[in-house]
């Protein structure tokens, strides 16, 4: 039960962070928002390290670095995928791969799932697709390059969960600090490159900005003005994103049950729920019947996983 609560909490907080990132991306390039939010997220993690402790051992450094590179590369590949293909297809595809890769790894390790768990996980993956579904009006066409890029990006996000899963239980938030520093470096470098390209460069949709139902549409963002509201929005985004990582790692280490990995990975992929719910509350955006169906299925799957 605790694993499910932590996994869902992490997904919802991720979704809230994505919504704020989407809002900020209306004024500033999305890749810049992602880079600054990643840098901001280092601060609360360092505070958490001081308060609760942790250990920067060899394994913490290794798997924290793997998580950081995997997540950073995943974000950058998603930028590319959503720049060359339809959001309505590629965003759900990315989320499905992010959920499925850790499940497949767990099964290959010999993890046995109960019948209820298998059904609940399948329903949860379906819920991801439904919640993230939105009619695409860009006219973009599905290409093999877009599909492969989105799939690899999803594998990158799944790699974050896999890396956190094998971090030592006594490492605390140390691996998260390492991961966040590397992500900030990778995304910061990408932001500098994109900015130097100018308005004629490639589109830079962030994961947060391009989850269907979020505040910002995909595409190129101008340099933008960093008003006080934008600054605080990005700060809140970075803090919430860091908190979501804490929830996910805590969920992965909340039980010795081998089924914890697939449960947390699939629940983590439900992050679009937080985004679309806040978009509905704050921006008065209406959820479609398909998205409502996905939300209902998601909570049903969560109950099933809690009982499994």
C-alpha atoms as a PDB file:
ATOM      1  CA  UNK A   1       0.000   0.000   0.000  1.00  0.00           C
ATOM      2  CA  UNK A   2       2.789   2.427   0.911  1.00  0.00           C
ATOM      3  CA  UNK A   3       4.509   1.710  -2.406  1.00  0.00           C
ATOM      4  CA  UNK A   4       1.354   2.586  -4.328  1.00  0.00           C
ATOM      5  CA  UNK A   5       0.826   5.791  -2.316  1.00  0.00           C
ATOM      6  CA  UNK A   6       4.423   6.919  -2.893  1.00  0.00           C
ATOM      7  CA  UNK A   7       4.326   5.990  -6.580  1.00  0.00           C
ATOM      8  CA  UNK A   8       1.070   7.868  -7.173  1.00  0.00           C
ATOM      9  CA  UNK A   9       2.287  10.840  -5.157  1.00  0.00           C
ATOM     10  CA  UNK A  10       5.419  11.014  -7.265  1.00  0.00           C
ATOM     11  CA  UNK A  11       3.395  10.865 -10.477  1.00  0.00           C
ATOM     12  CA  UNK A  12       1.006  13.608  -9.359  1.00  0.00           C
ATOM     13  CA  UNK A  13       3.831  15.887  -8.231  1.00  0.00           C
ATOM     14  CA  UNK A  14       5.632  15.258 -11.528  1.00  0.00           C
ATOM     15  CA  UNK A  15       2.437  16.291 -13.277  1.00  0.00           C
ATOM     16  CA  UNK A  16       2.157  19.470 -11.210  1.00  0.00           C
ATOM     17  CA  UNK A  17       5.770  20.324 -12.032  1.00  0.00           C
ATOM     18  CA  UNK A  18       5.098  19.702 -15.713  1.00  0.00           C
ATOM     19  CA  UNK A  19       2.110  22.026 -15.636  1.00  0.00           C
ATOM     20  CA  UNK A  20       4.198  24.824 -14.138  1.00  0.00           C
ATOM     21  CA  UNK A  21       6.933  24.164 -16.658  1.00  0.00           C
ATOM     22  CA  UNK A  22       4.346  24.427 -19.399  1.00  0.00           C
ATOM     23  CA  UNK A  23       3.147  27.777 -18.087  1.00  0.00           C
ATOM     24  CA  UNK A  24       6.676  29.148 -17.958  1.00  0.00           C
ATOM     25  CA  UNK A  25       7.354  27.816 -21.459  1.00  0.00           C
ATOM     26  CA  UNK A  26       4.774  30.225 -22.823  1.00  0.00           C
ATOM     27  CA  UNK A  27       7.222  33.027 -22.135  1.00  0.00           C
ATOM     28  CA  UNK A  28      10.654  31.371 -22.257  1.00  0.00           C
ATOM     29  CA  UNK A  29      12.125  28.596 -24.371  1.00  0.00           C
ATOM     30  CA  UNK A  30      11.020  25.243 -22.972  1.00  0.00           C
ATOM     31  CA  UNK A  31      14.536  23.812 -22.994  1.00  0.00           C
ATOM     32  CA  UNK A  32      15.701  26.821 -20.976  1.00  0.00           C
ATOM     33  CA  UNK A  33      12.881  26.303 -18.486  1.00  0.00           C
ATOM     34  CA  UNK A  34      13.850  22.645 -18.146  1.00  0.00           C
ATOM     35  CA  UNK A  35      17.507  23.517 -17.592  1.00  0.00           C
ATOM     36  CA  UNK A  36      16.828  26.211 -14.983  1.00  0.00           C
ATOM     37  CA  UNK A  37      14.279  24.014 -13.178  1.00  0.00           C
ATOM     38  CA  UNK A  38      16.828  21.198 -13.049  1.00  0.00           C
ATOM     39  CA  UNK A  39      19.392  23.552 -11.529  1.00  0.00           C
ATOM     40  CA  UNK A  40      16.853  24.877  -8.999  1.00  0.00           C
ATOM     41  CA  UNK A  41      16.015  21.305  -7.999  1.00  0.00           C
ATOM     42  CA  UNK A  42      19.567  20.795  -6.759  1.00  0.00           C
ATOM     43  CA  UNK A  43      18.945  23.158  -3.826  1.00  0.00           C
ATOM     44  CA  UNK A  44      16.099  21.285  -2.062  1.00  0.00           C
ATOM     45  CA  UNK A  45      17.913  17.996  -2.637  1.00  0.00           C
ATOM     46  CA  UNK A  46      21.043  19.385  -0.955  1.00  0.00           C
ATOM     47  CA  UNK A  47      18.888  20.607   1.928  1.00  0.00           C
ATOM     48  CA  UNK A  48      17.360  17.140   2.149  1.00  0.00           C
ATOM     49  CA  UNK A  49      20.826  15.619   2.181  1.00  0.00           C
ATOM     50  CA  UNK A  50      21.830  17.798   5.122  1.00  0.00           C
ATOM     51  CA  UNK A  51      18.615  17.012   7.028  1.00  0.00           C
ATOM     52  CA  UNK A  52      18.164  13.283   6.425  1.00  0.00           C
ATOM     53  CA  UNK A  53      21.698  12.359   5.504  1.00  0.00           C
ATOM     54  CA  UNK A  54      22.966  10.000   2.856  1.00  0.00           C
ATOM     55  CA  UNK A  55      26.148   8.527   1.467  1.00  0.00           C
ATOM     56  CA  UNK A  56      28.033   9.499  -1.667  1.00  0.00           C
ATOM     57  CA  UNK A  57      29.501   6.034  -2.053  1.00  0.00           C
ATOM     58  CA  UNK A  58      30.722   4.496  -5.287  1.00  0.00           C
ATOM     59  CA  UNK A  59      27.321   2.940  -6.063  1.00  0.00           C
ATOM     60  CA  UNK A  60      25.459   6.148  -5.257  1.00  0.00           C
ATOM     61  CA  UNK A  61      27.701   8.098  -7.603  1.00  0.00           C
ATOM     62  CA  UNK A  62      27.482   5.469 -10.341  1.00  0.00           C
ATOM     63  CA  UNK A  63      23.722   4.979 -10.378  1.00  0.00           C
ATOM     64  CA  UNK A  64      23.034   8.632  -9.731  1.00  0.00           C
ATOM     65  CA  UNK A  65      25.138   9.425 -12.795  1.00  0.00           C
ATOM     66  CA  UNK A  66      23.303   6.784 -14.833  1.00  0.00           C
ATOM     67  CA  UNK A  67      19.957   8.294 -13.804  1.00  0.00           C
ATOM     68  CA  UNK A  68      21.128  11.799 -14.665  1.00  0.00           C
ATOM     69  CA  UNK A  69      22.464  10.882 -18.099  1.00  0.00           C
ATOM     70  CA  UNK A  70      19.480   8.653 -18.857  1.00  0.00           C
ATOM     71  CA  UNK A  71      16.986  11.355 -17.888  1.00  0.00           C
ATOM     72  CA  UNK A  72      18.872  14.144 -19.635  1.00  0.00           C
ATOM     73  CA  UNK A  73      19.221  12.177 -22.858  1.00  0.00           C
ATOM     74  CA  UNK A  74      15.562  11.146 -22.611  1.00  0.00           C
ATOM     75  CA  UNK A  75      14.434  14.762 -22.396  1.00  0.00           C
ATOM     76  CA  UNK A  76      16.620  15.847 -25.300  1.00  0.00           C
ATOM     77  CA  UNK A  77      15.426  12.977 -27.494  1.00  0.00           C
ATOM     78  CA  UNK A  78      11.840  13.796 -26.626  1.00  0.00           C
ATOM     79  CA  UNK A  79      12.469  17.381 -27.774  1.00  0.00           C
ATOM     80  CA  UNK A  80      13.567  15.975 -31.105  1.00  0.00           C
ATOM     81  CA  UNK A  81      10.685  13.485 -31.404  1.00  0.00           C
ATOM     82  CA  UNK A  82       7.996  16.060 -30.705  1.00  0.00           C
ATOM     83  CA  UNK A  83       9.612  18.494 -33.097  1.00  0.00           C
ATOM     84  CA  UNK A  84       9.287  16.080 -36.045  1.00  0.00           C
ATOM     85  CA  UNK A  85       6.070  14.197 -35.285  1.00  0.00           C
ATOM     86  CA  UNK A  86       2.527  14.474 -33.896  1.00  0.00           C
ATOM     87  CA  UNK A  87       2.315  15.041 -30.154  1.00  0.00           C
ATOM     88  CA  UNK A  88      -0.857  12.965 -29.867  1.00  0.00           C
ATOM     89  CA  UNK A  89       1.027   9.833 -30.935  1.00  0.00           C
ATOM     90  CA  UNK A  90       4.569  10.338 -29.693  1.00  0.00           C
ATOM     91  CA  UNK A  91       3.885  11.654 -26.190  1.00  0.00           C
ATOM     92  CA  UNK A  92       1.797   8.604 -25.145  1.00  0.00           C
ATOM     93  CA  UNK A  93       4.302   6.324 -26.862  1.00  0.00           C
ATOM     94  CA  UNK A  94       7.098   7.808 -24.765  1.00  0.00           C
ATOM     95  CA  UNK A  95       5.113   7.330 -21.548  1.00  0.00           C
ATOM     96  CA  UNK A  96       4.292   3.714 -22.422  1.00  0.00           C
ATOM     97  CA  UNK A  97       7.946   2.880 -23.005  1.00  0.00           C
ATOM     98  CA  UNK A  98       8.897   4.671 -19.790  1.00  0.00           C
ATOM     99  CA  UNK A  99       6.464   2.416 -17.938  1.00  0.00           C
ATOM    100  CA  UNK A 100       7.165  -0.794 -19.826  1.00  0.00           C
ATOM    101  CA  UNK A 101      10.963  -0.937 -19.804  1.00  0.00           C
ATOM    102  CA  UNK A 102      11.339  -1.352 -15.993  1.00  0.00           C
ATOM    103  CA  UNK A 103       8.503  -3.903 -16.023  1.00  0.00           C
ATOM    104  CA  UNK A 104      10.267  -5.955 -18.689  1.00  0.00           C
ATOM    105  CA  UNK A 105      13.551  -5.743 -16.790  1.00  0.00           C
ATOM    106  CA  UNK A 106      11.830  -6.900 -13.602  1.00  0.00           C
ATOM    107  CA  UNK A 107      10.260  -9.847 -15.422  1.00  0.00           C
ATOM    108  CA  UNK A 108      13.612 -10.794 -16.971  1.00  0.00           C
ATOM    109  CA  UNK A 109      15.085 -10.749 -13.479  1.00  0.00           C
ATOM    110  CA  UNK A 110      12.549 -13.395 -12.521  1.00  0.00           C
ATOM    111  CA  UNK A 111       9.962 -11.262 -10.762  1.00  0.00           C
ATOM    112  CA  UNK A 112       6.657 -13.130 -10.571  1.00  0.00           C
ATOM    113  CA  UNK A 113       3.543 -10.980 -10.768  1.00  0.00           C
ATOM    114  CA  UNK A 114       0.147 -12.057  -9.506  1.00  0.00           C
ATOM    115  CA  UNK A 115      -2.796 -12.194 -11.892  1.00  0.00           C
ATOM    116  CA  UNK A 116      -4.331  -9.103 -10.295  1.00  0.00           C
ATOM    117  CA  UNK A 117      -1.047  -7.221 -10.618  1.00  0.00           C
ATOM    118  CA  UNK A 118      -0.686  -8.128 -14.301  1.00  0.00           C
ATOM    119  CA  UNK A 119      -4.214  -6.927 -15.093  1.00  0.00           C
ATOM    120  CA  UNK A 120      -3.768  -3.760 -13.024  1.00  0.00           C
ATOM    121  CA  UNK A 121      -0.475  -2.922 -14.741  1.00  0.00           C
ATOM    122  CA  UNK A 122      -2.026  -3.453 -18.164  1.00  0.00           C
ATOM    123  CA  UNK A 123      -4.968  -1.207 -17.236  1.00  0.00           C
ATOM    124  CA  UNK A 124      -2.560   1.429 -15.921  1.00  0.00           C
ATOM    125  CA  UNK A 125      -0.611   1.452 -19.197  1.00  0.00           C
ATOM    126  CA  UNK A 126      -3.891   1.843 -21.092  1.00  0.00           C
ATOM    127  CA  UNK A 127      -4.770   4.703 -18.743  1.00  0.00           C
ATOM    128  CA  UNK A 128      -1.488   6.425 -19.614  1.00  0.00           C
ATOM    129  CA  UNK A 129      -2.386   6.327 -23.300  1.00  0.00           C
ATOM    130  CA  UNK A 130      -5.920   7.603 -22.729  1.00  0.00           C
ATOM    131  CA  UNK A 131      -4.963  10.428 -20.353  1.00  0.00           C
ATOM    132  CA  UNK A 132      -2.181  11.575 -22.661  1.00  0.00           C
ATOM    133  CA  UNK A 133      -4.363  11.429 -25.759  1.00  0.00           C
ATOM    134  CA  UNK A 134      -5.377  14.660 -27.404  1.00  0.00           C
ATOM    135  CA  UNK A 135      -6.341  15.539 -30.961  1.00  0.00           C
ATOM    136  CA  UNK A 136      -3.316  16.823 -32.838  1.00  0.00           C
ATOM    137  CA  UNK A 137      -3.924  19.834 -35.071  1.00  0.00           C
ATOM    138  CA  UNK A 138      -0.380  20.493 -36.177  1.00  0.00           C
ATOM    139  CA  UNK A 139      -0.628  18.391 -39.311  1.00  0.00           C
ATOM    140  CA  UNK A 140       2.617  16.613 -38.382  1.00  0.00           C
ATOM    141  CA  UNK A 141       2.989  13.117 -39.822  1.00  0.00           C
ATOM    142  CA  UNK A 142       4.142   9.966 -38.095  1.00  0.00           C
ATOM    143  CA  UNK A 143       7.549   8.869 -39.320  1.00  0.00           C
ATOM    144  CA  UNK A 144       9.814   5.973 -38.444  1.00  0.00           C
ATOM    145  CA  UNK A 145      12.397   8.421 -37.116  1.00  0.00           C
ATOM    146  CA  UNK A 146       9.831  10.056 -34.845  1.00  0.00           C
ATOM    147  CA  UNK A 147       8.592   6.716 -33.503  1.00  0.00           C
ATOM    148  CA  UNK A 148      12.086   5.411 -32.812  1.00  0.00           C
ATOM    149  CA  UNK A 149      13.200   8.659 -31.192  1.00  0.00           C
ATOM    150  CA  UNK A 150      10.130   8.758 -28.940  1.00  0.00           C
ATOM    151  CA  UNK A 151      10.601   5.111 -27.985  1.00  0.00           C
ATOM    152  CA  UNK A 152      14.259   5.654 -27.071  1.00  0.00           C
ATOM    153  CA  UNK A 153      13.293   8.762 -25.089  1.00  0.00           C
ATOM    154  CA  UNK A 154      10.804   6.643 -23.139  1.00  0.00           C
ATOM    155  CA  UNK A 155      13.534   4.095 -22.469  1.00  0.00           C
ATOM    156  CA  UNK A 156      15.627   6.951 -21.098  1.00  0.00           C
ATOM    157  CA  UNK A 157      12.881   7.913 -18.647  1.00  0.00           C
ATOM    158  CA  UNK A 158      12.486   4.271 -17.690  1.00  0.00           C
ATOM    159  CA  UNK A 159      16.224   4.163 -17.102  1.00  0.00           C
ATOM    160  CA  UNK A 160      15.826   6.735 -14.331  1.00  0.00           C
ATOM    161  CA  UNK A 161      13.547   4.375 -12.411  1.00  0.00           C
ATOM    162  CA  UNK A 162      15.871   1.420 -13.011  1.00  0.00           C
ATOM    163  CA  UNK A 163      18.874   3.390 -11.768  1.00  0.00           C
ATOM    164  CA  UNK A 164      17.108   4.599  -8.619  1.00  0.00           C
ATOM    165  CA  UNK A 165      15.944   1.050  -7.945  1.00  0.00           C
ATOM    166  CA  UNK A 166      19.486  -0.292  -7.614  1.00  0.00           C
ATOM    167  CA  UNK A 167      20.870   2.553  -5.505  1.00  0.00           C
ATOM    168  CA  UNK A 168      21.844   1.468  -1.967  1.00  0.00           C
ATOM    169  CA  UNK A 169      18.976   1.839   0.507  1.00  0.00           C
ATOM    170  CA  UNK A 170      21.237   3.820   2.868  1.00  0.00           C
ATOM    171  CA  UNK A 171      22.337   6.293   0.195  1.00  0.00           C
ATOM    172  CA  UNK A 172      19.471   8.675   0.968  1.00  0.00           C
ATOM    173  CA  UNK A 173      19.116  11.511  -1.526  1.00  0.00           C
ATOM    174  CA  UNK A 174      22.778  11.378  -2.574  1.00  0.00           C
ATOM    175  CA  UNK A 175      22.045   9.647  -5.916  1.00  0.00           C
ATOM    176  CA  UNK A 176      19.306  12.191  -6.600  1.00  0.00           C
ATOM    177  CA  UNK A 177      21.768  15.048  -6.101  1.00  0.00           C
ATOM    178  CA  UNK A 178      24.230  13.472  -8.530  1.00  0.00           C
ATOM    179  CA  UNK A 179      21.469  12.826 -11.050  1.00  0.00           C
ATOM    180  CA  UNK A 180      20.099  16.343 -10.829  1.00  0.00           C
ATOM    181  CA  UNK A 181      23.526  17.970 -11.250  1.00  0.00           C
ATOM    182  CA  UNK A 182      24.207  15.969 -14.406  1.00  0.00           C
ATOM    183  CA  UNK A 183      20.751  16.728 -15.798  1.00  0.00           C
ATOM    184  CA  UNK A 184      21.274  20.425 -15.153  1.00  0.00           C
ATOM    185  CA  UNK A 185      24.588  20.297 -17.009  1.00  0.00           C
ATOM    186  CA  UNK A 186      23.168  18.399 -19.991  1.00  0.00           C
ATOM    187  CA  UNK A 187      20.036  20.523 -20.293  1.00  0.00           C
ATOM    188  CA  UNK A 188      21.980  23.722 -19.666  1.00  0.00           C
ATOM    189  CA  UNK A 189      24.332  22.850 -22.510  1.00  0.00           C
ATOM    190  CA  UNK A 190      21.349  22.106 -24.769  1.00  0.00           C
ATOM    191  CA  UNK A 191      19.725  25.408 -23.808  1.00  0.00           C
ATOM    192  CA  UNK A 192      22.876  27.329 -24.717  1.00  0.00           C
ATOM    193  CA  UNK A 193      23.103  25.557 -28.089  1.00  0.00           C
ATOM    194  CA  UNK A 194      19.428  26.154 -28.904  1.00  0.00           C
ATOM    195  CA  UNK A 195      19.642  29.795 -27.849  1.00  0.00           C
ATOM    196  CA  UNK A 196      22.643  30.402 -30.082  1.00  0.00           C
ATOM    197  CA  UNK A 197      20.748  28.930 -33.018  1.00  0.00           C
ATOM    198  CA  UNK A 198      18.160  31.661 -32.592  1.00  0.00           C
ATOM    199  CA  UNK A 199      14.571  31.636 -33.811  1.00  0.00           C
ATOM    200  CA  UNK A 200      15.508  29.623 -36.860  1.00  0.00           C
ATOM    201  CA  UNK A 201      16.768  26.685 -34.809  1.00  0.00           C
ATOM    202  CA  UNK A 202      15.017  23.445 -34.064  1.00  0.00           C
ATOM    203  CA  UNK A 203      11.882  23.381 -31.974  1.00  0.00           C
ATOM    204  CA  UNK A 204      12.459  22.742 -28.317  1.00  0.00           C
ATOM    205  CA  UNK A 205       9.330  21.363 -26.662  1.00  0.00           C
ATOM    206  CA  UNK A 206       9.953  20.168 -23.133  1.00  0.00           C
ATOM    207  CA  UNK A 207       8.472  17.004 -21.726  1.00  0.00           C
ATOM    208  CA  UNK A 208       6.436  19.166 -19.407  1.00  0.00           C
ATOM    209  CA  UNK A 209       5.242  21.483 -22.108  1.00  0.00           C
ATOM    210  CA  UNK A 210       4.233  18.752 -24.484  1.00  0.00           C
ATOM    211  CA  UNK A 211       2.282  16.369 -22.338  1.00  0.00           C
ATOM    212  CA  UNK A 212      -1.225  16.625 -23.761  1.00  0.00           C
ATOM    213  CA  UNK A 213      -3.385  18.837 -21.612  1.00  0.00           C
ATOM    214  CA  UNK A 214      -0.519  20.926 -20.313  1.00  0.00           C
ATOM    215  CA  UNK A 215      -0.297  24.667 -20.526  1.00  0.00           C
ATOM    216  CA  UNK A 216       2.080  25.163 -23.392  1.00  0.00           C
ATOM    217  CA  UNK A 217       1.861  23.977 -26.965  1.00  0.00           C
ATOM    218  CA  UNK A 218       4.926  22.583 -28.679  1.00  0.00           C
ATOM    219  CA  UNK A 219       7.167  24.599 -30.910  1.00  0.00           C
ATOM    220  CA  UNK A 220       9.812  27.211 -30.831  1.00  0.00           C
ATOM    221  CA  UNK A 221       9.781  29.657 -27.965  1.00  0.00           C
ATOM    222  CA  UNK A 222      11.305  33.096 -28.168  1.00  0.00           C
ATOM    223  CA  UNK A 223      13.915  34.324 -25.774  1.00  0.00           C
ATOM    224  CA  UNK A 224      11.147  35.615 -23.560  1.00  0.00           C
ATOM    225  CA  UNK A 225      11.243  37.938 -20.597  1.00  0.00           C
ATOM    226  CA  UNK A 226      11.980  36.539 -17.158  1.00  0.00           C
ATOM    227  CA  UNK A 227       9.299  38.354 -15.195  1.00  0.00           C
ATOM    228  CA  UNK A 228       8.936  37.735 -11.465  1.00  0.00           C
ATOM    229  CA  UNK A 229       5.983  35.424 -12.139  1.00  0.00           C
ATOM    230  CA  UNK A 230       7.994  33.345 -14.602  1.00  0.00           C
ATOM    231  CA  UNK A 231      10.901  33.091 -12.169  1.00  0.00           C
ATOM    232  CA  UNK A 232       8.704  31.870  -9.314  1.00  0.00           C
ATOM    233  CA  UNK A 233       6.898  29.473 -11.625  1.00  0.00           C
ATOM    234  CA  UNK A 234      10.180  27.908 -12.722  1.00  0.00           C
ATOM    235  CA  UNK A 235      11.417  27.755  -9.126  1.00  0.00           C
ATOM    236  CA  UNK A 236       8.234  25.952  -8.059  1.00  0.00           C
ATOM    237  CA  UNK A 237       8.599  23.621 -11.044  1.00  0.00           C
ATOM    238  CA  UNK A 238      12.160  22.725 -10.049  1.00  0.00           C
ATOM    239  CA  UNK A 239      11.273  22.140  -6.398  1.00  0.00           C
ATOM    240  CA  UNK A 240       8.275  19.950  -7.253  1.00  0.00           C
ATOM    241  CA  UNK A 241      10.240  17.969  -9.814  1.00  0.00           C
ATOM    242  CA  UNK A 242      12.924  17.276  -7.214  1.00  0.00           C
ATOM    243  CA  UNK A 243      10.250  16.262  -4.696  1.00  0.00           C
ATOM    244  CA  UNK A 244       8.746  13.866  -7.230  1.00  0.00           C
ATOM    245  CA  UNK A 245      12.112  12.148  -7.589  1.00  0.00           C
ATOM    246  CA  UNK A 246      12.245  11.730  -3.819  1.00  0.00           C
ATOM    247  CA  UNK A 247       8.786  10.110  -3.834  1.00  0.00           C
ATOM    248  CA  UNK A 248       9.789   7.730  -6.615  1.00  0.00           C
ATOM    249  CA  UNK A 249      13.024   6.658  -4.955  1.00  0.00           C
ATOM    250  CA  UNK A 250      11.247   6.230  -1.616  1.00  0.00           C
ATOM    251  CA  UNK A 251       8.603   4.123  -3.322  1.00  0.00           C
ATOM    252  CA  UNK A 252      11.224   1.902  -4.925  1.00  0.00           C
ATOM    253  CA  UNK A 253      12.873   1.272  -1.545  1.00  0.00           C
ATOM    254  CA  UNK A 254       9.640   1.024   0.469  1.00  0.00           C
ATOM    255  CA  UNK A 255       9.451  -2.740   0.148  1.00  0.00           C
ATOM    256  CA  UNK A 256      11.668  -5.749  -0.473  1.00  0.00           C
ATOM    257  CA  UNK A 257       9.025  -7.204  -2.792  1.00  0.00           C
ATOM    258  CA  UNK A 258      10.525  -7.645  -6.299  1.00  0.00           C
ATOM    259  CA  UNK A 259       7.205  -6.449  -7.745  1.00  0.00           C
ATOM    260  CA  UNK A 260       7.892  -2.969  -6.353  1.00  0.00           C
ATOM    261  CA  UNK A 261       9.881  -1.956  -9.453  1.00  0.00           C
ATOM    262  CA  UNK A 262       7.151  -2.610 -12.047  1.00  0.00           C
ATOM    263  CA  UNK A 263       4.466  -1.113  -9.800  1.00  0.00           C
ATOM    264  CA  UNK A 264       6.341   2.141  -9.226  1.00  0.00           C
ATOM    265  CA  UNK A 265       7.436   2.427 -12.855  1.00  0.00           C
ATOM    266  CA  UNK A 266       3.888   2.168 -14.200  1.00  0.00           C
ATOM    267  CA  UNK A 267       2.447   4.478 -11.555  1.00  0.00           C
ATOM    268  CA  UNK A 268       5.199   6.985 -12.337  1.00  0.00           C
ATOM    269  CA  UNK A 269       4.068   7.045 -15.957  1.00  0.00           C
ATOM    270  CA  UNK A 270       0.675   8.380 -14.839  1.00  0.00           C
ATOM    271  CA  UNK A 271       2.171  11.869 -14.404  1.00  0.00           C
ATOM    272  CA  UNK A 272      -0.074  13.374 -17.143  1.00  0.00           C
ATOM    273  CA  UNK A 273      -2.974  13.112 -14.691  1.00  0.00           C
ATOM    274  CA  UNK A 274      -1.513  15.841 -12.493  1.00  0.00           C
ATOM    275  CA  UNK A 275      -0.887  18.013 -15.523  1.00  0.00           C
ATOM    276  CA  UNK A 276      -4.357  17.748 -17.052  1.00  0.00           C
ATOM    277  CA  UNK A 277      -6.085  18.155 -13.687  1.00  0.00           C
ATOM    278  CA  UNK A 278      -4.228  21.396 -12.922  1.00  0.00           C
ATOM    279  CA  UNK A 279      -4.851  22.592 -16.481  1.00  0.00           C
ATOM    280  CA  UNK A 280      -8.545  22.056 -15.853  1.00  0.00           C
ATOM    281  CA  UNK A 281      -8.531  23.850 -12.519  1.00  0.00           C
ATOM    282  CA  UNK A 282      -6.245  26.769 -13.340  1.00  0.00           C
ATOM    283  CA  UNK A 283      -6.764  27.267 -17.066  1.00  0.00           C
ATOM    284  CA  UNK A 284     -10.332  25.942 -17.263  1.00  0.00           C
ATOM    285  CA  UNK A 285      -9.273  23.463 -19.896  1.00  0.00           C
ATOM    286  CA  UNK A 286     -11.869  20.751 -20.414  1.00  0.00           C
ATOM    287  CA  UNK A 287     -10.887  17.109 -20.202  1.00  0.00           C
ATOM    288  CA  UNK A 288     -12.237  14.932 -22.963  1.00  0.00           C
ATOM    289  CA  UNK A 289     -14.351  11.854 -22.286  1.00  0.00           C
ATOM    290  CA  UNK A 290     -11.339   9.735 -23.278  1.00  0.00           C
ATOM    291  CA  UNK A 291      -9.125  11.468 -20.719  1.00  0.00           C
ATOM    292  CA  UNK A 292     -11.746  11.064 -17.976  1.00  0.00           C
ATOM    293  CA  UNK A 293     -11.909   7.365 -18.846  1.00  0.00           C
ATOM    294  CA  UNK A 294      -8.148   7.174 -18.489  1.00  0.00           C
ATOM    295  CA  UNK A 295      -8.220   8.848 -15.076  1.00  0.00           C
ATOM    296  CA  UNK A 296     -10.899   6.460 -13.819  1.00  0.00           C
ATOM    297  CA  UNK A 297      -8.938   3.484 -15.115  1.00  0.00           C
ATOM    298  CA  UNK A 298      -5.762   4.823 -13.503  1.00  0.00           C
ATOM    299  CA  UNK A 299      -7.314   4.976 -10.057  1.00  0.00           C
ATOM    300  CA  UNK A 300      -8.897   1.577 -10.586  1.00  0.00           C
ATOM    301  CA  UNK A 301      -5.499   0.165 -11.512  1.00  0.00           C
ATOM    302  CA  UNK A 302      -3.978   1.794  -8.419  1.00  0.00           C
ATOM    303  CA  UNK A 303      -6.544   0.074  -6.193  1.00  0.00           C
ATOM    304  CA  UNK A 304      -5.795  -3.211  -7.928  1.00  0.00           C
ATOM    305  CA  UNK A 305      -2.058  -2.787  -7.376  1.00  0.00           C
ATOM    306  CA  UNK A 306      -2.641  -1.935  -3.700  1.00  0.00           C
ATOM    307  CA  UNK A 307      -4.632  -5.153  -3.275  1.00  0.00           C
ATOM    308  CA  UNK A 308      -2.279  -7.352  -5.302  1.00  0.00           C
END
